[in-house]
Amino acid sequence: QTPGKKREQVAVITSGGKVHYADVVKGRVTISRDNATQYLQMVNL
């Protein structure tokens, strides 16, 4: 979220390991999950 703008989804990972990325970041971000910790790796920012 940026000031004055609506919060937008970037990436989601389910308990089954399925992932979903917003089109605007697809190919530049990777979401992963390690037990209780999730990560968002962002490149080419």
All heavy atoms as atom14 arrays in JSON, in Angstrom:
{
  "sequence": "QTPGKKREQVAVITSGGKVHYADVVKGRVTISRDNATQYLQMVNL",
  "atom14_mask": [
    [1, 1, 1, 1, 1, 1, 1, 1, 1, 0, 0, 0, 0, 0],
    [1, 1, 1, 1, 1, 1, 1, 0, 0, 0, 0, 0, 0, 0],
    [1, 1, 1, 1, 1, 1, 1, 0, 0, 0, 0, 0, 0, 0],
    [1, 1, 1, 1, 0, 0, 0, 0, 0, 0, 0, 0, 0, 0],
    [1, 1, 1, 1, 1, 1, 1, 1, 1, 0, 0, 0, 0, 0],
    [1, 1, 1, 1, 1, 1, 1, 1, 1, 0, 0, 0, 0, 0],
    [1, 1, 1, 1, 1, 1, 1, 1, 1, 1, 1, 0, 0, 0],
    [1, 1, 1, 1, 1, 1, 1, 1, 1, 0, 0, 0, 0, 0],
    [1, 1, 1, 1, 1, 1, 1, 1, 1, 0, 0, 0, 0, 0],
    [1, 1, 1, 1, 1, 1, 1, 0, 0, 0, 0, 0, 0, 0],
    [1, 1, 1, 1, 1, 0, 0, 0, 0, 0, 0, 0, 0, 0],
    [1, 1, 1, 1, 1, 1, 1, 0, 0, 0, 0, 0, 0, 0],
    [1, 1, 1, 1, 1, 1, 1, 1, 0, 0, 0, 0, 0, 0],
    [1, 1, 1, 1, 1, 1, 1, 0, 0, 0, 0, 0, 0, 0],
    [1, 1, 1, 1, 1, 1, 0, 0, 0, 0, 0, 0, 0, 0],
    [1, 1, 1, 1, 0, 0, 0, 0, 0, 0, 0, 0, 0, 0],
    [1, 1, 1, 1, 0, 0, 0, 0, 0, 0, 0, 0, 0, 0],
    [1, 1, 1, 1, 1, 1, 1, 1, 1, 0, 0, 0, 0, 0],
    [1, 1, 1, 1, 1, 1, 1, 0, 0, 0, 0, 0, 0, 0],
    [1, 1, 1, 1, 1, 1, 1, 1, 1, 1, 0, 0, 0, 0],
    [1, 1, 1, 1, 1, 1, 1, 1, 1, 1, 1, 1, 0, 0],
    [1, 1, 1, 1, 1, 0, 0, 0, 0, 0, 0, 0, 0, 0],
    [1, 1, 1, 1, 1, 1, 1, 1, 0, 0, 0, 0, 0, 0],
    [1, 1, 1, 1, 1, 1, 1, 0, 0, 0, 0, 0, 0, 0],
    [1, 1, 1, 1, 1, 1, 1, 0, 0, 0, 0, 0, 0, 0],
    [1, 1, 1, 1, 1, 1, 1, 1, 1, 0, 0, 0, 0, 0],
    [1, 1, 1, 1, 0, 0, 0, 0, 0, 0, 0, 0, 0, 0],
    [1, 1, 1, 1, 1, 1, 1, 1, 1, 1, 1, 0, 0, 0],
    [1, 1, 1, 1, 1, 1, 1, 0, 0, 0, 0, 0, 0, 0],
    [1, 1, 1, 1, 1, 1, 1, 0, 0, 0, 0, 0, 0, 0],
    [1, 1, 1, 1, 1, 1, 1, 1, 0, 0, 0, 0, 0, 0],
    [1, 1, 1, 1, 1, 1, 0, 0, 0, 0, 0, 0, 0, 0],
    [1, 1, 1, 1, 1, 1, 1, 1, 1, 1, 1, 0, 0, 0],
    [1, 1, 1, 1, 1, 1, 1, 1, 0, 0, 0, 0, 0, 0],
    [1, 1, 1, 1, 1, 1, 1, 1, 0, 0, 0, 0, 0, 0],
    [1, 1, 1, 1, 1, 0, 0, 0, 0, 0, 0, 0, 0, 0],
    [1, 1, 1, 1, 1, 1, 1, 0, 0, 0, 0, 0, 0, 0],
    [1, 1, 1, 1, 1, 1, 1, 1, 1, 0, 0, 0, 0, 0],
    [1, 1, 1, 1, 1, 1, 1, 1, 1, 1, 1, 1, 0, 0],
    [1, 1, 1, 1, 1, 1, 1, 1, 0, 0, 0, 0, 0, 0],
    [1, 1, 1, 1, 1, 1, 1, 1, 1, 0, 0, 0, 0, 0],
    [1, 1, 1, 1, 1, 1, 1, 1, 0, 0, 0, 0, 0, 0],
    [1, 1, 1, 1, 1, 1, 1, 0, 0, 0, 0, 0, 0, 0],
    [1, 1, 1, 1, 1, 1, 1, 1, 0, 0, 0, 0, 0, 0],
    [1, 1, 1, 1, 1, 1, 1, 1, 0, 0, 0, 0, 0, 0]
  ],
  "atom14_positions": [
    [[0.82, -1.19, 0.0], [0.0, 0.0, 0.0], [0.86, 1.25, 0.0], [1.85, 1.33, 0.73], [-0.93, 0.01, 1.22], [-1.95, 1.12, 1.22], [-2.97, 0.94, 2.32], [-2.71, 0.28, 3.34], [-4.15, 1.5, 2.13], [0.0, 0.0, 0.0], [0.0, 0.0, 0.0], [0.0, 0.0, 0.0], [0.0, 0.0, 0.0], [0.0, 0.0, 0.0]],
    [[0.48, 2.21, -0.83], [1.12, 3.51, -0.86], [0.14, 4.54, -0.33], [-1.08, 4.31, -0.34], [1.58, 3.88, -2.28], [0.46, 3.83, -3.17], [2.65, 2.92, -2.76], [0.0, 0.0, 0.0], [0.0, 0.0, 0.0], [0.0, 0.0, 0.0], [0.0, 0.0, 0.0], [0.0, 0.0, 0.0], [0.0, 0.0, 0.0], [0.0, 0.0, 0.0]],
    [[0.63, 5.69, 0.13], [-0.28, 6.7, 0.7], [-1.39, 7.09, -0.26], [-1.14, 7.38, -1.44], [0.65, 7.88, 0.98], [1.98, 7.25, 1.22], [2.03, 6.09, 0.26], [0.0, 0.0, 0.0], [0.0, 0.0, 0.0], [0.0, 0.0, 0.0], [0.0, 0.0, 0.0], [0.0, 0.0, 0.0], [0.0, 0.0, 0.0], [0.0, 0.0, 0.0]],
    [[-2.61, 7.08, 0.23], [-3.76, 7.47, -0.56], [-4.26, 6.42, -1.52], [-5.21, 6.69, -2.27], [0.0, 0.0, 0.0], [0.0, 0.0, 0.0], [0.0, 0.0, 0.0], [0.0, 0.0, 0.0], [0.0, 0.0, 0.0], [0.0, 0.0, 0.0], [0.0, 0.0, 0.0], [0.0, 0.0, 0.0], [0.0, 0.0, 0.0], [0.0, 0.0, 0.0]],
    [[-3.66, 5.25, -1.52], [-4.07, 4.19, -2.43], [-4.57, 2.97, -1.66], [-4.24, 2.77, -0.5], [-2.92, 3.79, -3.35], [-2.45, 4.89, -4.29], [-1.35, 4.38, -5.2], [-0.96, 5.44, -6.22], [-0.38, 6.63, -5.57], [0.0, 0.0, 0.0], [0.0, 0.0, 0.0], [0.0, 0.0, 0.0], [0.0, 0.0, 0.0], [0.0, 0.0, 0.0]],
    [[-5.36, 2.18, -2.35], [-5.91, 0.97, -1.77], [-4.83, -0.11, -1.66], [-3.97, -0.23, -2.53], [-7.09, 0.47, -2.62], [-7.81, -0.73, -2.06], [-8.95, -1.14, -2.97], [-9.68, -2.35, -2.45], [-10.79, -2.75, -3.34], [0.0, 0.0, 0.0], [0.0, 0.0, 0.0], [0.0, 0.0, 0.0], [0.0, 0.0, 0.0], [0.0, 0.0, 0.0]],
    [[-4.9, -0.88, -0.61], [-3.98, -1.98, -0.45], [-4.21, -3.02, -1.55], [-5.34, -3.41, -1.83], [-4.16, -2.62, 0.92], [-3.09, -3.62, 1.3], [-3.22, -4.06, 2.76], [-3.05, -2.93, 3.67], [-3.09, -3.04, 4.99], [-3.29, -4.21, 5.56], [-2.94, -1.95, 5.75], [0.0, 0.0, 0.0], [0.0, 0.0, 0.0], [0.0, 0.0, 0.0]],
    [[-3.13, -3.47, -2.18], [-3.24, -4.41, -3.27], [-2.47, -5.69, -2.98], [-1.44, -5.69, -2.31], [-2.74, -3.79, -4.58], [-1.26, -3.44, -4.58], [-0.79, -2.87, -5.91], [-1.6, -2.8, -6.85], [0.4, -2.49, -6.0], [0.0, 0.0, 0.0], [0.0, 0.0, 0.0], [0.0, 0.0, 0.0], [0.0, 0.0, 0.0], [0.0, 0.0, 0.0]],
    [[-2.99, -6.77, -3.5], [-2.36, -8.07, -3.32], [-1.14, -8.2, -4.21], [-1.17, -7.82, -5.38], [-3.37, -9.17, -3.63], [-2.88, -10.58, -3.34], [-3.89, -11.63, -3.73], [-3.92, -12.1, -4.86], [-4.75, -11.99, -2.79], [0.0, 0.0, 0.0], [0.0, 0.0, 0.0], [0.0, 0.0, 0.0], [0.0, 0.0, 0.0], [0.0, 0.0, 0.0]],
    [[-0.08, -8.74, -3.66], [1.15, -8.98, -4.4], [1.33, -10.46, -4.7], [1.56, -10.85, -5.84], [2.38, -8.44, -3.64], [3.67, -8.75, -4.4], [2.24, -6.94, -3.41], [0.0, 0.0, 0.0], [0.0, 0.0, 0.0], [0.0, 0.0, 0.0], [0.0, 0.0, 0.0], [0.0, 0.0, 0.0], [0.0, 0.0, 0.0], [0.0, 0.0, 0.0]],
    [[1.24, -11.28, -3.68], [1.45, -12.71, -3.84], [0.79, -13.46, -2.7], [0.65, -12.94, -1.6], [2.95, -13.04, -3.88], [0.0, 0.0, 0.0], [0.0, 0.0, 0.0], [0.0, 0.0, 0.0], [0.0, 0.0, 0.0], [0.0, 0.0, 0.0], [0.0, 0.0, 0.0], [0.0, 0.0, 0.0], [0.0, 0.0, 0.0], [0.0, 0.0, 0.0]],
    [[0.37, -14.68, -2.99], [-0.27, -15.53, -2.0], [0.27, -16.95, -2.15], [0.52, -17.41, -3.26], [-1.81, -15.55, -2.16], [-2.44, -16.6, -1.27], [-2.39, -14.17, -1.87], [0.0, 0.0, 0.0], [0.0, 0.0, 0.0], [0.0, 0.0, 0.0], [0.0, 0.0, 0.0], [0.0, 0.0, 0.0], [0.0, 0.0, 0.0], [0.0, 0.0, 0.0]],
    [[0.44, -17.62, -1.03], [0.8, -19.03, -1.04], [-0.13, -19.75, -0.08], [-0.33, -19.33, 1.06], [2.29, -19.25, -0.68], [2.64, -20.74, -0.79], [2.62, -18.69, 0.69], [4.14, -21.0, -0.78], [0.0, 0.0, 0.0], [0.0, 0.0, 0.0], [0.0, 0.0, 0.0], [0.0, 0.0, 0.0], [0.0, 0.0, 0.0], [0.0, 0.0, 0.0]],
    [[-0.7, -20.85, -0.54], [-1.63, -21.62, 0.28], [-0.89, -22.67, 1.08], [0.29, -22.94, 0.87], [-2.7, -22.3, -0.58], [-2.11, -23.38, -1.32], [-3.34, -21.31, -1.55], [0.0, 0.0, 0.0], [0.0, 0.0, 0.0], [0.0, 0.0, 0.0], [0.0, 0.0, 0.0], [0.0, 0.0, 0.0], [0.0, 0.0, 0.0], [0.0, 0.0, 0.0]],
    [[-1.61, -23.28, 2.01], [-1.02, -24.34, 2.82], [-0.62, -25.54, 1.97], [0.24, -26.32, 2.37], [-2.0, -24.78, 3.9], [-3.21, -25.26, 3.34], [0.0, 0.0, 0.0], [0.0, 0.0, 0.0], [0.0, 0.0, 0.0], [0.0, 0.0, 0.0], [0.0, 0.0, 0.0], [0.0, 0.0, 0.0], [0.0, 0.0, 0.0], [0.0, 0.0, 0.0]],
    [[-1.23, -25.67, 0.79], [-0.89, -26.74, -0.12], [0.24, -26.41, -1.07], [0.61, -27.24, -1.91], [0.0, 0.0, 0.0], [0.0, 0.0, 0.0], [0.0, 0.0, 0.0], [0.0, 0.0, 0.0], [0.0, 0.0, 0.0], [0.0, 0.0, 0.0], [0.0, 0.0, 0.0], [0.0, 0.0, 0.0], [0.0, 0.0, 0.0], [0.0, 0.0, 0.0]],
    [[0.78, -25.2, -0.97], [1.9, -24.81, -1.79], [1.55, -24.12, -3.09], [2.43, -23.79, -3.89], [0.0, 0.0, 0.0], [0.0, 0.0, 0.0], [0.0, 0.0, 0.0], [0.0, 0.0, 0.0], [0.0, 0.0, 0.0], [0.0, 0.0, 0.0], [0.0, 0.0, 0.0], [0.0, 0.0, 0.0], [0.0, 0.0, 0.0], [0.0, 0.0, 0.0]],
    [[0.27, -23.88, -3.32], [-0.14, -23.15, -4.52], [0.19, -21.67, -4.36], [-0.01, -21.1, -3.3], [-1.63, -23.33, -4.78], [-2.04, -24.76, -5.08], [-1.57, -25.19, -6.45], [-2.1, -26.58, -6.8], [-1.69, -27.01, -8.15], [0.0, 0.0, 0.0], [0.0, 0.0, 0.0], [0.0, 0.0, 0.0], [0.0, 0.0, 0.0], [0.0, 0.0, 0.0]],
    [[0.67, -21.07, -5.44], [1.05, -19.66, -5.41], [0.27, -18.88, -6.44], [-0.17, -19.41, -7.47], [2.56, -19.48, -5.63], [3.35, -20.19, -4.55], [2.96, -20.0, -7.01], [0.0, 0.0, 0.0], [0.0, 0.0, 0.0], [0.0, 0.0, 0.0], [0.0, 0.0, 0.0], [0.0, 0.0, 0.0], [0.0, 0.0, 0.0], [0.0, 0.0, 0.0]],
    [[0.1, -17.61, -6.15], [-0.57, -16.7, -7.06], [0.14, -15.35, -6.98], [0.4, -14.85, -5.89], [-2.04, -16.55, -6.71], [-2.76, -15.54, -7.53], [-3.16, -15.78, -8.82], [-3.12, -14.26, -7.26], [-3.75, -14.72, -9.32], [-3.74, -13.78, -8.38], [0.0, 0.0, 0.0], [0.0, 0.0, 0.0], [0.0, 0.0, 0.0], [0.0, 0.0, 0.0]],
    [[0.42, -14.77, -8.14], [1.09, -13.49, -8.21], [0.24, -12.47, -8.95], [-0.43, -12.81, -9.93], [2.43, -13.61, -8.92], [3.41, -14.54, -8.25], [3.65, -15.8, -8.78], [4.1, -14.16, -7.11], [4.56, -16.66, -8.17], [5.0, -15.01, -6.5], [5.23, -16.26, -7.03], [6.13, -17.1, -6.43], [0.0, 0.0, 0.0], [0.0, 0.0, 0.0]],
    [[0.31, -11.25, -8.49], [-0.29, -10.18, -9.24], [0.45, -10.0, -10.56], [1.67, -10.16, -10.62], [-0.26, -8.87, -8.44], [0.0, 0.0, 0.0], [0.0, 0.0, 0.0], [0.0, 0.0, 0.0], [0.0, 0.0, 0.0], [0.0, 0.0, 0.0], [0.0, 0.0, 0.0], [0.0, 0.0, 0.0], [0.0, 0.0, 0.0], [0.0, 0.0, 0.0]],
    [[-0.28, -9.67, -11.61], [0.33, -9.55, -12.93], [1.47, -8.54, -12.95], [2.48, -8.74, -13.64], [-0.72, -9.16, -13.96], [-1.68, -10.29, -14.27], [-1.36, -11.46, -13.99], [-2.77, -10.0, -14.8], [0.0, 0.0, 0.0], [0.0, 0.0, 0.0], [0.0, 0.0, 0.0], [0.0, 0.0, 0.0], [0.0, 0.0, 0.0], [0.0, 0.0, 0.0]],
    [[1.34, -7.49, -12.2], [2.32, -6.41, -12.24], [3.68, -6.83, -11.67], [4.7, -6.21, -11.99], [1.78, -5.16, -11.51], [1.73, -5.4, -10.0], [2.61, -3.94, -11.82], [0.0, 0.0, 0.0], [0.0, 0.0, 0.0], [0.0, 0.0, 0.0], [0.0, 0.0, 0.0], [0.0, 0.0, 0.0], [0.0, 0.0, 0.0], [0.0, 0.0, 0.0]],
    [[3.7, -7.88, -10.87], [4.95, -8.32, -10.28], [5.38, -9.69, -10.75], [6.48, -10.15, -10.42], [4.9, -8.32, -8.74], [4.62, -6.93, -8.2], [3.85, -9.31, -8.24], [0.0, 0.0, 0.0], [0.0, 0.0, 0.0], [0.0, 0.0, 0.0], [0.0, 0.0, 0.0], [0.0, 0.0, 0.0], [0.0, 0.0, 0.0], [0.0, 0.0, 0.0]],
    [[4.54, -10.35, -11.51], [4.84, -11.7, -11.96], [6.16, -11.73, -12.74], [6.39, -10.91, -13.62], [3.7, -12.24, -12.83], [3.79, -13.73, -13.13], [2.54, -14.23, -13.85], [1.3, -14.07, -12.98], [0.08, -14.62, -13.64], [0.0, 0.0, 0.0], [0.0, 0.0, 0.0], [0.0, 0.0, 0.0], [0.0, 0.0, 0.0], [0.0, 0.0, 0.0]],
    [[7.0, -12.69, -12.4], [8.3, -12.81, -13.02], [9.39, -12.08, -12.27], [10.58, -12.29, -12.55], [0.0, 0.0, 0.0], [0.0, 0.0, 0.0], [0.0, 0.0, 0.0], [0.0, 0.0, 0.0], [0.0, 0.0, 0.0], [0.0, 0.0, 0.0], [0.0, 0.0, 0.0], [0.0, 0.0, 0.0], [0.0, 0.0, 0.0], [0.0, 0.0, 0.0]],
    [[9.02, -11.24, -11.33], [9.99, -10.47, -10.57], [9.97, -10.8, -9.08], [10.86, -10.37, -8.35], [9.76, -8.97, -10.76], [9.89, -8.51, -12.2], [9.88, -6.98, -12.32], [8.6, -6.42, -11.88], [8.45, -5.66, -10.8], [9.51, -5.36, -10.05], [7.26, -5.18, -10.48], [0.0, 0.0, 0.0], [0.0, 0.0, 0.0], [0.0, 0.0, 0.0]],
    [[8.96, -11.52, -8.65], [8.87, -11.88, -7.23], [8.63, -13.38, -7.1], [8.08, -14.02, -7.98], [7.76, -11.1, -6.5], [7.93, -9.61, -6.7], [6.38, -11.55, -6.96], [0.0, 0.0, 0.0], [0.0, 0.0, 0.0], [0.0, 0.0, 0.0], [0.0, 0.0, 0.0], [0.0, 0.0, 0.0], [0.0, 0.0, 0.0], [0.0, 0.0, 0.0]],
    [[9.06, -13.9, -5.97], [8.84, -15.29, -5.64], [8.43, -15.39, -4.19], [9.12, -14.88, -3.3], [10.11, -16.14, -5.86], [10.54, -16.01, -7.22], [9.82, -17.61, -5.56], [0.0, 0.0, 0.0], [0.0, 0.0, 0.0], [0.0, 0.0, 0.0], [0.0, 0.0, 0.0], [0.0, 0.0, 0.0], [0.0, 0.0, 0.0], [0.0, 0.0, 0.0]],
    [[7.3, -16.02, -3.95], [6.84, -16.23, -2.59], [7.14, -17.67, -2.19], [6.98, -18.6, -2.99], [5.35, -15.91, -2.43], [4.94, -15.96, -0.95], [4.48, -16.84, -3.27], [3.53, -15.42, -0.69], [0.0, 0.0, 0.0], [0.0, 0.0, 0.0], [0.0, 0.0, 0.0], [0.0, 0.0, 0.0], [0.0, 0.0, 0.0], [0.0, 0.0, 0.0]],
    [[7.59, -17.85, -0.99], [7.9, -19.18, -0.49], [7.53, -19.26, 0.98], [7.3, -18.24, 1.64], [9.38, -19.53, -0.7], [10.22, -18.62, -0.02], [0.0, 0.0, 0.0], [0.0, 0.0, 0.0], [0.0, 0.0, 0.0], [0.0, 0.0, 0.0], [0.0, 0.0, 0.0], [0.0, 0.0, 0.0], [0.0, 0.0, 0.0], [0.0, 0.0, 0.0]],
    [[7.49, -20.48, 1.48], [7.07, -20.69, 2.85], [7.9, -21.78, 3.49], [8.11, -22.84, 2.89], [5.58, -21.05, 2.87], [4.94, -21.11, 4.23], [3.44, -21.31, 4.06], [2.75, -21.44, 5.33], [1.44, -21.6, 5.45], [0.68, -21.66, 4.36], [0.88, -21.71, 6.65], [0.0, 0.0, 0.0], [0.0, 0.0, 0.0], [0.0, 0.0, 0.0]],
    [[8.38, -21.53, 4.68], [9.17, -22.48, 5.43], [8.57, -22.57, 6.82], [8.88, -21.75, 7.69], [10.64, -22.05, 5.48], [11.49, -23.03, 6.26], [11.03, -24.13, 6.57], [12.66, -22.68, 6.54], [0.0, 0.0, 0.0], [0.0, 0.0, 0.0], [0.0, 0.0, 0.0], [0.0, 0.0, 0.0], [0.0, 0.0, 0.0], [0.0, 0.0, 0.0]],
    [[7.69, -23.52, 7.0], [6.97, -23.68, 8.26], [6.2, -22.4, 8.58], [5.29, -22.04, 7.86], [7.92, -24.09, 9.37], [8.48, -25.49, 9.17], [7.8, -26.38, 8.7], [9.75, -25.67, 9.53], [0.0, 0.0, 0.0], [0.0, 0.0, 0.0], [0.0, 0.0, 0.0], [0.0, 0.0, 0.0], [0.0, 0.0, 0.0], [0.0, 0.0, 0.0]],
    [[6.57, -21.73, 9.65], [5.83, -20.56, 10.09], [6.33, -19.25, 9.48], [5.81, -18.19, 9.82], [5.86, -20.46, 11.6], [0.0, 0.0, 0.0], [0.0, 0.0, 0.0], [0.0, 0.0, 0.0], [0.0, 0.0, 0.0], [0.0, 0.0, 0.0], [0.0, 0.0, 0.0], [0.0, 0.0, 0.0], [0.0, 0.0, 0.0], [0.0, 0.0, 0.0]],
    [[7.31, -19.33, 8.61], [7.86, -18.13, 7.99], [7.62, -18.13, 6.49], [7.84, -19.14, 5.82], [9.37, -18.02, 8.27], [9.59, -18.0, 9.68], [9.94, -16.74, 7.67], [0.0, 0.0, 0.0], [0.0, 0.0, 0.0], [0.0, 0.0, 0.0], [0.0, 0.0, 0.0], [0.0, 0.0, 0.0], [0.0, 0.0, 0.0], [0.0, 0.0, 0.0]],
    [[7.17, -17.01, 5.97], [7.05, -16.84, 4.54], [7.99, -15.75, 4.08], [8.34, -14.85, 4.83], [5.61, -16.54, 4.13], [5.09, -15.17, 4.56], [3.86, -14.76, 3.78], [3.73, -15.06, 2.59], [2.95, -14.06, 4.45], [0.0, 0.0, 0.0], [0.0, 0.0, 0.0], [0.0, 0.0, 0.0], [0.0, 0.0, 0.0], [0.0, 0.0, 0.0]],
    [[8.37, -15.86, 2.81], [9.32, -14.94, 2.22], [8.79, -14.39, 0.92], [8.05, -15.04, 0.19], [10.66, -15.63, 1.96], [11.26, -16.31, 3.16], [10.98, -17.65, 3.43], [12.09, -15.62, 4.03], [11.52, -18.27, 4.54], [12.64, -16.24, 5.14], [12.35, -17.57, 5.39], [12.89, -18.18, 6.48], [0.0, 0.0, 0.0], [0.0, 0.0, 0.0]],
    [[9.2, -13.18, 0.62], [8.94, -12.59, -0.68], [10.27, -12.12, -1.24], [10.82, -11.11, -0.79], [7.95, -11.43, -0.58], [7.48, -10.87, -1.93], [6.57, -11.88, -2.62], [6.77, -9.54, -1.75], [0.0, 0.0, 0.0], [0.0, 0.0, 0.0], [0.0, 0.0, 0.0], [0.0, 0.0, 0.0], [0.0, 0.0, 0.0], [0.0, 0.0, 0.0]],
    [[10.79, -12.88, -2.2], [12.02, -12.5, -2.87], [11.67, -11.6, -4.05], [10.9, -12.0, -4.93], [12.77, -13.73, -3.36], [14.06, -13.43, -4.1], [15.12, -12.82, -3.21], [15.46, -13.39, -2.17], [15.64, -11.67, -3.59], [0.0, 0.0, 0.0], [0.0, 0.0, 0.0], [0.0, 0.0, 0.0], [0.0, 0.0, 0.0], [0.0, 0.0, 0.0]],
    [[12.21, -10.42, -4.06], [11.91, -9.44, -5.09], [13.19, -9.08, -5.84], [14.21, -8.78, -5.23], [11.3, -8.18, -4.48], [10.14, -8.46, -3.52], [9.52, -6.96, -2.71], [8.69, -6.17, -4.1], [0.0, 0.0, 0.0], [0.0, 0.0, 0.0], [0.0, 0.0, 0.0], [0.0, 0.0, 0.0], [0.0, 0.0, 0.0], [0.0, 0.0, 0.0]],
    [[13.11, -9.14, -7.16], [14.25, -8.78, -8.01], [13.78, -7.78, -9.04], [12.59, -7.6, -9.28], [14.86, -10.02, -8.69], [15.37, -11.01, -7.66], [13.85, -10.68, -9.62], [0.0, 0.0, 0.0], [0.0, 0.0, 0.0], [0.0, 0.0, 0.0], [0.0, 0.0, 0.0], [0.0, 0.0, 0.0], [0.0, 0.0, 0.0], [0.0, 0.0, 0.0]],
    [[14.77, -7.13, -9.68], [14.47, -6.14, -10.7], [13.42, -5.14, -10.22], [12.44, -4.85, -10.91], [14.02, -6.81, -11.99], [14.0, -5.87, -13.18], [14.72, -4.87, -13.2], [13.17, -6.18, -14.17], [0.0, 0.0, 0.0], [0.0, 0.0, 0.0], [0.0, 0.0, 0.0], [0.0, 0.0, 0.0], [0.0, 0.0, 0.0], [0.0, 0.0, 0.0]],
    [[13.64, -4.61, -9.06], [12.68, -3.7, -8.45], [12.57, -2.4, -9.23], [13.55, -1.89, -9.78], [13.05, -3.43, -7.01], [12.75, -4.6, -6.05], [13.5, -4.43, -4.74], [11.25, -4.7, -5.8], [0.0, 0.0, 0.0], [0.0, 0.0, 0.0], [0.0, 0.0, 0.0], [0.0, 0.0, 0.0], [0.0, 0.0, 0.0], [0.0, 0.0, 0.0]]
  ]
}
